C-alpha atoms as a PDB file:
ATOM      1  CA  MET A   1      -0.081  -0.070  -0.010  1.00  0.00           C
ATOM      2  CA  ALA A   2       1.340   3.411  -0.916  1.00  0.00           C
ATOM      3  CA  MET A   3       2.207   5.751   1.972  1.00  0.00           C
ATOM      4  CA  SER A   4       1.735   9.597   1.897  1.00  0.00           C
ATOM      5  CA  GLU A   5       4.752  11.886   2.297  1.00  0.00           C
ATOM      6  CA  ASP A   6       3.590  12.747   5.831  1.00  0.00           C
ATOM      7  CA  ALA A   7       3.284   9.190   6.787  1.00  0.00           C
ATOM      8  CA  ALA A   8       6.527   8.193   5.291  1.00  0.00           C
ATOM      9  CA  THR A   9       8.232  10.979   7.191  1.00  0.00           C
ATOM     10  CA  THR A  10       6.589   9.797  10.474  1.00  0.00           C
ATOM     11  CA  ALA A  11       7.786   6.130   9.827  1.00  0.00           C
ATOM     12  CA  GLU A  12      11.267   7.248   9.331  1.00  0.00           C
ATOM     13  CA  GLU A  13      11.444   9.485  12.490  1.00  0.00           C
ATOM     14  CA  PRO A  14      12.989   7.597  15.458  1.00  0.00           C
ATOM     15  CA  GLN A  15      10.575   6.876  18.211  1.00  0.00           C
ATOM     16  CA  THR A  16      11.390   8.425  21.618  1.00  0.00           C
ATOM     17  CA  PRO A  17      11.776   5.520  24.205  1.00  0.00           C
ATOM     18  CA  ARG A  18       9.506   5.418  27.239  1.00  0.00           C
ATOM     19  CA  ALA A  19      10.959   6.444  30.513  1.00  0.00           C
ATOM     20  CA  THR A  20      12.360   3.611  32.710  1.00  0.00           C
ATOM     21  CA  ARG A  21      10.725   3.321  36.202  1.00  0.00           C
ATOM     22  CA  GLY A  22      13.304   3.761  38.906  1.00  0.00           C
ATOM     23  CA  ARG A  23      14.420   5.753  41.980  1.00  0.00           C
ATOM     24  CA  VAL A  24      13.711   9.448  42.186  1.00  0.00           C
ATOM     25  CA  ARG A  25      14.981  11.775  44.960  1.00  0.00           C
ATOM     26  CA  PHE A  26      13.638  15.387  45.492  1.00  0.00           C
ATOM     27  CA  LYS A  27      15.338  17.882  47.938  1.00  0.00           C
ATOM     28  CA  ARG A  28      13.418  20.400  49.943  1.00  0.00           C
ATOM     29  CA  THR A  29      10.362  19.393  48.022  1.00  0.00           C
ATOM     30  CA  ALA A  30       6.815  20.681  48.357  1.00  0.00           C
ATOM     31  CA  LEU A  31       4.733  17.652  47.150  1.00  0.00           C
ATOM     32  CA  MET A  32       1.580  18.282  45.288  1.00  0.00           C
ATOM     33  CA  ALA A  33       0.278  15.761  42.669  1.00  0.00           C
ATOM     34  CA  VAL A  34      -0.853  18.413  40.111  1.00  0.00           C
ATOM     35  CA  PRO A  35      -0.922  22.060  39.287  1.00  0.00           C
ATOM     36  CA  ALA A  36      -3.483  23.634  41.707  1.00  0.00           C
ATOM     37  CA  VAL A  37      -5.191  25.739  39.048  1.00  0.00           C
ATOM     38  CA  ALA A  38      -5.711  22.992  36.598  1.00  0.00           C
ATOM     39  CA  LEU A  39      -6.695  20.529  39.372  1.00  0.00           C
ATOM     40  CA  GLY A  40      -9.108  23.006  40.830  1.00  0.00           C
ATOM     41  CA  GLY A  41     -11.121  23.539  37.706  1.00  0.00           C
ATOM     42  CA  MET A  42     -11.326  19.865  36.980  1.00  0.00           C
ATOM     43  CA  LEU A  43     -12.331  18.796  40.567  1.00  0.00           C
ATOM     44  CA  MET A  44     -15.043  21.575  40.771  1.00  0.00           C
ATOM     45  CA  THR A  45     -16.443  20.287  37.571  1.00  0.00           C
ATOM     46  CA  LEU A  46     -16.443  16.671  38.813  1.00  0.00           C
ATOM     47  CA  THR A  47     -18.032  17.523  42.102  1.00  0.00           C
ATOM     48  CA  ALA A  48     -20.870  19.535  40.460  1.00  0.00           C
ATOM     49  CA  GLN A  49     -21.351  16.336  38.350  1.00  0.00           C
ATOM     50  CA  GLY A  50     -21.580  14.345  41.636  1.00  0.00           C
ATOM     51  CA  VAL A  51     -18.479  12.260  40.518  1.00  0.00           C
ATOM     52  CA  LEU A  52     -16.337  12.845  43.649  1.00  0.00           C
ATOM     53  CA  ALA A  53     -17.294  11.111  46.854  1.00  0.00           C
ATOM     54  CA  ASN A  54     -15.752  12.240  50.202  1.00  0.00           C
ATOM     55  CA  GLN A  55     -14.738   9.976  53.061  1.00  0.00           C
ATOM     56  CA  PHE A  56     -16.479  12.062  55.642  1.00  0.00           C
ATOM     57  CA  SER A  57     -17.503  15.741  56.319  1.00  0.00           C
ATOM     58  CA  ILE A  58     -14.386  17.606  57.562  1.00  0.00           C
ATOM     59  CA  SER A  59     -14.676  20.076  60.435  1.00  0.00           C
ATOM     60  CA  GLY A  60     -12.850  22.618  58.396  1.00  0.00           C
ATOM     61  CA  MET A  61     -10.262  23.019  61.196  1.00  0.00           C
ATOM     62  CA  PRO A  62      -6.938  22.283  59.842  1.00  0.00           C
ATOM     63  CA  PHE A  63      -4.214  20.313  61.939  1.00  0.00           C
ATOM     64  CA  THR A  64      -0.523  20.303  61.549  1.00  0.00           C
ATOM     65  CA  ILE A  65       1.767  17.277  61.551  1.00  0.00           C
ATOM     66  CA  LYS A  66       5.620  17.361  61.902  1.00  0.00           C
ATOM     67  CA  ALA A  67       7.825  14.263  62.042  1.00  0.00           C
ATOM     68  CA  ASP A  68      11.603  13.479  61.744  1.00  0.00           C
ATOM     69  CA  SER A  69      10.873  11.021  59.062  1.00  0.00           C
ATOM     70  CA  LEU A  70       7.953   9.114  57.277  1.00  0.00           C
ATOM     71  CA  GLU A  71       8.468   5.872  55.400  1.00  0.00           C
ATOM     72  CA  GLY A  72       5.609   4.325  53.509  1.00  0.00           C
ATOM     73  CA  GLU A  73       5.036   1.203  51.145  1.00  0.00           C
ATOM     74  CA  HIS A  74       2.718   1.214  48.297  1.00  0.00           C
ATOM     75  CA  PHE A  75       2.282   5.113  48.143  1.00  0.00           C
ATOM     76  CA  ALA A  76      -0.286   6.730  45.937  1.00  0.00           C
ATOM     77  CA  GLN A  77      -1.227  10.485  45.797  1.00  0.00           C
ATOM     78  CA  TYR A  78      -4.067  12.196  43.876  1.00  0.00           C
ATOM     79  CA  GLY A  79      -6.191  15.397  44.063  1.00  0.00           C
ATOM     80  CA  SER A  80      -9.580  15.584  45.732  1.00  0.00           C
ATOM     81  CA  LEU A  81     -11.979  17.951  47.497  1.00  0.00           C
ATOM     82  CA  ASP A  82     -12.923  17.681  51.110  1.00  0.00           C
ATOM     83  CA  GLU A  83     -16.302  19.062  52.110  1.00  0.00           C
ATOM     84  CA  MET A  84     -17.680  20.449  55.442  1.00  0.00           C
ATOM     85  CA  ILE A  85     -21.303  20.201  56.543  1.00  0.00           C
ATOM     86  CA  PRO A  86     -23.674  22.719  55.050  1.00  0.00           C
ATOM     87  CA  ASN A  87     -23.278  26.212  56.671  1.00  0.00           C
ATOM     88  CA  SER A  88     -20.278  25.120  58.663  1.00  0.00           C
ATOM     89  CA  PRO A  89     -19.136  27.930  60.901  1.00  0.00           C
ATOM     90  CA  ASN A  90     -15.472  27.034  59.753  1.00  0.00           C
ATOM     91  CA  GLN A  91     -16.055  27.565  55.987  1.00  0.00           C
ATOM     92  CA  GLY A  92     -14.987  31.191  55.721  1.00  0.00           C
ATOM     93  CA  ASN A  93     -14.475  32.046  52.165  1.00  0.00           C
ATOM     94  CA  THR A  94     -14.073  28.434  50.877  1.00  0.00           C
ATOM     95  CA  GLY A  95     -17.736  27.713  50.247  1.00  0.00           C
ATOM     96  CA  GLY A  96     -17.279  24.620  52.399  1.00  0.00           C
ATOM     97  CA  GLN A  97     -14.896  22.905  50.077  1.00  0.00           C
ATOM     98  CA  VAL A  98     -11.104  22.554  50.428  1.00  0.00           C
ATOM     99  CA  LEU A  99      -8.817  21.342  47.592  1.00  0.00           C
ATOM    100  CA  VAL A 100      -6.409  18.715  48.855  1.00  0.00           C
ATOM    101  CA  ALA A 101      -3.715  16.241  47.807  1.00  0.00           C
ATOM    102  CA  VAL A 102      -4.630  12.726  49.229  1.00  0.00           C
ATOM    103  CA  SER A 103      -1.525  10.739  50.144  1.00  0.00           C
ATOM    104  CA  ALA A 104      -2.160   7.104  50.688  1.00  0.00           C
ATOM    105  CA  MET A 105       0.165   4.371  52.013  1.00  0.00           C
ATOM    106  CA  LYS A 106      -0.692   0.697  52.699  1.00  0.00           C
ATOM    107  CA  THR A 107       1.892   0.718  55.510  1.00  0.00           C
ATOM    108  CA  ALA A 108       3.679   3.651  57.206  1.00  0.00           C
ATOM    109  CA  LYS A 109       6.217   4.298  59.903  1.00  0.00           C
ATOM    110  CA  ILE A 110       6.657   7.836  61.435  1.00  0.00           C
ATOM    111  CA  THR A 111       9.437   8.977  63.762  1.00  0.00           C
ATOM    112  CA  ASN A 112       8.942  11.664  66.349  1.00  0.00           C
ATOM    113  CA  LEU A 113       5.448  12.542  65.477  1.00  0.00           C
ATOM    114  CA  CYS A 114       3.875  15.817  66.585  1.00  0.00           C
ATOM    115  CA  GLN A 115       0.351  16.716  65.757  1.00  0.00           C
ATOM    116  CA  SER A 116      -1.561  19.876  66.773  1.00  0.00           C
ATOM    117  CA  VAL A 117      -4.782  21.618  66.233  1.00  0.00           C
ATOM    118  CA  ASP A 118      -5.540  25.249  67.315  1.00  0.00           C
ATOM    119  CA  LEU A 119      -8.935  25.105  69.089  1.00  0.00           C
ATOM    120  CA  GLY A 120      -9.058  28.954  69.326  1.00  0.00           C
ATOM    121  CA  GLY A 121      -6.286  30.292  71.498  1.00  0.00           C
ATOM    122  CA  VAL A 122      -5.129  26.959  72.852  1.00  0.00           C
ATOM    123  CA  ASN A 123      -3.549  23.981  70.921  1.00  0.00           C
ATOM    124  CA  LEU A 124      -4.262  20.224  71.449  1.00  0.00           C
ATOM    125  CA  VAL A 125      -0.811  18.668  71.049  1.00  0.00           C
ATOM    126  CA  ILE A 126       0.109  14.978  70.540  1.00  0.00           C
ATOM    127  CA  HIS A 127       3.520  13.594  70.598  1.00  0.00           C
ATOM    128  CA  ALA A 128       4.376   9.869  69.953  1.00  0.00           C
ATOM    129  CA  GLY A 129       7.071   7.645  68.539  1.00  0.00           C
ATOM    130  CA  ASP A 130      10.085   9.610  69.626  1.00  0.00           C
ATOM    131  CA  ASP A 131      12.191   6.416  69.910  1.00  0.00           C
ATOM    132  CA  PRO A 132      13.474   5.644  66.329  1.00  0.00           C
ATOM    133  CA  ASN A 133      13.440   1.952  67.260  1.00  0.00           C
ATOM    134  CA  ASN A 134       9.709   2.161  68.163  1.00  0.00           C
ATOM    135  CA  PRO A 135       8.056   4.519  65.694  1.00  0.00           C
ATOM    136  CA  VAL A 136       4.375   5.316  65.087  1.00  0.00           C
ATOM    137  CA  THR A 137       2.864   2.703  62.766  1.00  0.00           C
ATOM    138  CA  ALA A 138      -0.161   2.782  60.525  1.00  0.00           C
ATOM    139  CA  THR A 139      -1.905   0.662  57.898  1.00  0.00           C
ATOM    140  CA  ASP A 140      -4.098   1.951  55.233  1.00  0.00           C
ATOM    141  CA  LEU A 141      -3.112   5.556  56.079  1.00  0.00           C
ATOM    142  CA  THR A 142      -4.435   8.524  54.262  1.00  0.00           C
ATOM    143  CA  THR A 143      -3.861  12.233  54.757  1.00  0.00           C
ATOM    144  CA  ASP A 144      -5.596  15.015  52.991  1.00  0.00           C
ATOM    145  CA  SER A 145      -3.202  17.969  52.846  1.00  0.00           C
ATOM    146  CA  ASP A 146      -3.197  21.473  51.136  1.00  0.00           C
ATOM    147  CA  MET A 147       0.567  21.571  51.950  1.00  0.00           C
ATOM    148  CA  LEU A 148       3.092  18.927  52.414  1.00  0.00           C
ATOM    149  CA  THR A 149       6.846  19.497  52.535  1.00  0.00           C
ATOM    150  CA  GLY A 150       9.952  17.415  53.320  1.00  0.00           C
ATOM    151  CA  ASN A 151      13.740  18.247  53.447  1.00  0.00           C
ATOM    152  CA  THR A 152      14.248  15.189  51.254  1.00  0.00           C
ATOM    153  CA  ALA A 153      11.753  12.870  49.493  1.00  0.00           C
ATOM    154  CA  ASP A 154      12.929   9.491  48.030  1.00  0.00           C
ATOM    155  CA  PHE A 155      10.625   7.345  45.868  1.00  0.00           C
ATOM    156  CA  ASP A 156      11.157   3.838  44.564  1.00  0.00           C
ATOM    157  CA  ASN A 157       9.711   2.974  41.134  1.00  0.00           C
ATOM    158  CA  ILE A 158       7.519   6.077  40.936  1.00  0.00           C
ATOM    159  CA  GLU A 159       4.961   6.594  38.157  1.00  0.00           C
ATOM    160  CA  ILE A 160       3.578  10.084  37.603  1.00  0.00           C
ATOM    161  CA  GLY A 161       0.468  10.922  35.663  1.00  0.00           C
ATOM    162  CA  GLY A 162      -1.555   7.825  35.832  1.00  0.00           C
ATOM    163  CA  ASP A 163      -5.300   7.676  36.190  1.00  0.00           C
ATOM    164  CA  ALA A 164      -5.841   7.646  40.017  1.00  0.00           C
ATOM    165  CA  SER A 165      -8.888   5.262  39.722  1.00  0.00           C
ATOM    166  CA  THR A 166      -6.628   2.365  38.538  1.00  0.00           C
ATOM    167  CA  TYR A 167      -4.429   2.373  41.695  1.00  0.00           C
ATOM    168  CA  LYS A 168      -5.045  -0.776  43.734  1.00  0.00           C
ATOM    169  CA  ASN A 169      -2.153  -1.245  46.201  1.00  0.00           C
ATOM    170  CA  SER A 170      -2.384   1.715  48.685  1.00  0.00           C
ATOM    171  CA  GLY A 171      -5.303   0.741  50.886  1.00  0.00           C
ATOM    172  CA  ARG A 172      -8.968   1.422  51.129  1.00  0.00           C
ATOM    173  CA  TYR A 173      -8.736   5.074  49.901  1.00  0.00           C
ATOM    174  CA  GLY A 174      -5.591   4.626  47.927  1.00  0.00           C
ATOM    175  CA  HIS A 175      -7.333   5.504  44.605  1.00  0.00           C
ATOM    176  CA  GLY A 176      -9.015   8.461  43.119  1.00  0.00           C
ATOM    177  CA  ASN A 177     -11.881   8.911  40.720  1.00  0.00           C
ATOM    178  CA  PRO A 178     -11.812   8.211  36.869  1.00  0.00           C
ATOM    179  CA  GLY A 179      -9.852  10.919  35.071  1.00  0.00           C
ATOM    180  CA  VAL A 180      -8.130  12.286  38.131  1.00  0.00           C
ATOM    181  CA  PHE A 181      -4.320  12.783  37.922  1.00  0.00           C
ATOM    182  CA  GLY A 182      -2.362  10.564  40.233  1.00  0.00           C
ATOM    183  CA  GLN A 183       1.110   9.353  41.022  1.00  0.00           C
ATOM    184  CA  GLN A 184       2.233   6.096  42.825  1.00  0.00           C
ATOM    185  CA  ALA A 185       5.485   4.393  43.948  1.00  0.00           C
ATOM    186  CA  ASP A 186       6.521   1.226  45.647  1.00  0.00           C
ATOM    187  CA  LYS A 187       8.130   3.081  48.470  1.00  0.00           C
ATOM    188  CA  VAL A 188       8.489   6.576  49.830  1.00  0.00           C
ATOM    189  CA  LYS A 189      10.767   8.156  52.467  1.00  0.00           C
ATOM    190  CA  LEU A 190      10.521  11.799  53.663  1.00  0.00           C
ATOM    191  CA  THR A 191      12.698  13.595  56.189  1.00  0.00           C
ATOM    192  CA  LYS A 192      11.699  16.654  58.201  1.00  0.00           C
ATOM    193  CA  VAL A 193       8.101  16.361  57.252  1.00  0.00           C
ATOM    194  CA  TYR A 194       5.504  18.989  57.613  1.00  0.00           C
ATOM    195  CA  GLN A 195       1.899  18.519  56.731  1.00  0.00           C
ATOM    196  CA  HIS A 196      -1.006  20.950  56.764  1.00  0.00           C
ATOM    197  CA  ASN A 197      -3.971  18.595  56.885  1.00  0.00           C
ATOM    198  CA  TYR A 198      -7.855  18.675  56.948  1.00  0.00           C
ATOM    199  CA  ALA A 199      -8.374  14.927  57.369  1.00  0.00           C
ATOM    200  CA  SER A 200      -6.716  11.613  58.000  1.00  0.00           C
ATOM    201  CA  THR A 201      -7.895   8.016  58.172  1.00  0.00           C
ATOM    202  CA  ALA A 202      -6.199   4.706  59.026  1.00  0.00           C
ATOM    203  CA  LEU A 203      -7.296   1.055  59.387  1.00  0.00           C
ATOM    204  CA  LYS A 204      -4.892   0.810  62.267  1.00  0.00           C
ATOM    205  CA  PHE A 205      -2.843   3.494  64.160  1.00  0.00           C
ATOM    206  CA  SER A 206      -0.308   2.738  66.745  1.00  0.00           C
ATOM    207  CA  LEU A 207       1.214   5.522  68.786  1.00  0.00           C
ATOM    208  CA  PRO A 208       3.863   4.488  71.259  1.00  0.00           C
ATOM    209  CA  ASN A 209       4.977   6.894  74.136  1.00  0.00           C
ATOM    210  CA  LEU A 210       1.759   8.810  73.568  1.00  0.00           C
ATOM    211  CA  ARG A 211       1.583  12.255  75.368  1.00  0.00           C
ATOM    212  CA  LEU A 212      -1.466  14.486  74.945  1.00  0.00           C
ATOM    213  CA  SER A 213      -1.542  18.038  76.323  1.00  0.00           C
ATOM    214  CA  PHE A 214      -2.814  21.651  75.901  1.00  0.00           C
ATOM    215  CA  SER A 215      -0.360  24.354  74.914  1.00  0.00           C
ATOM    216  CA  SER A 216      -0.215  27.852  73.798  1.00  0.00           C
ATOM    217  CA  LYS A 217       1.964  26.716  70.928  1.00  0.00           C
ATOM    218  CA  GLY A 218       1.456  24.065  68.346  1.00  0.00           C
ATOM    219  CA  CYS A 219       3.965  21.804  66.508  1.00  0.00           C
END
């Protein structure tokens, strides 16, 4: 069969090889799965169509997590919207919806965890896992963050840009909805972790050396 000039040119051009899966390291990285503006428009549309389902209604009061290190296996991350109850007193100018990056891990280890929430002039603070040999552990862990940073971030076999609905290895909420941008990796390790979160879930959460207190300062 005869080929057109355009087709012949295309056939002669070398094909760019697909990127090989491997280990990626980012330093002083702010982790977000997708550009916020593009993701925001897409998620607002999906929510209006009733496509996105939420795990639960958030209070709208964010909480902070800091840790020396966080190690997870079967990591996934994708964009979503968290929603408050109708007419929540905490919605401010958000309209009751918060754009978040959901980070999911099948198993996780967290060293020297500090979690705090500002209750309005006083902070509820939790410390746990300050012994590196006895860290906080969790299974089917998810965190819904509008900011996540680490001094270093190491990923094993990372894939970026997949459809989050196809993810199967990261626990109950380790997958997004059809058409949502996602990334996943076999393993992840972050150091000097900071998270600004609106929600978190876990099938099991173990906090050795737990200390709960009220303080004028958070984490």
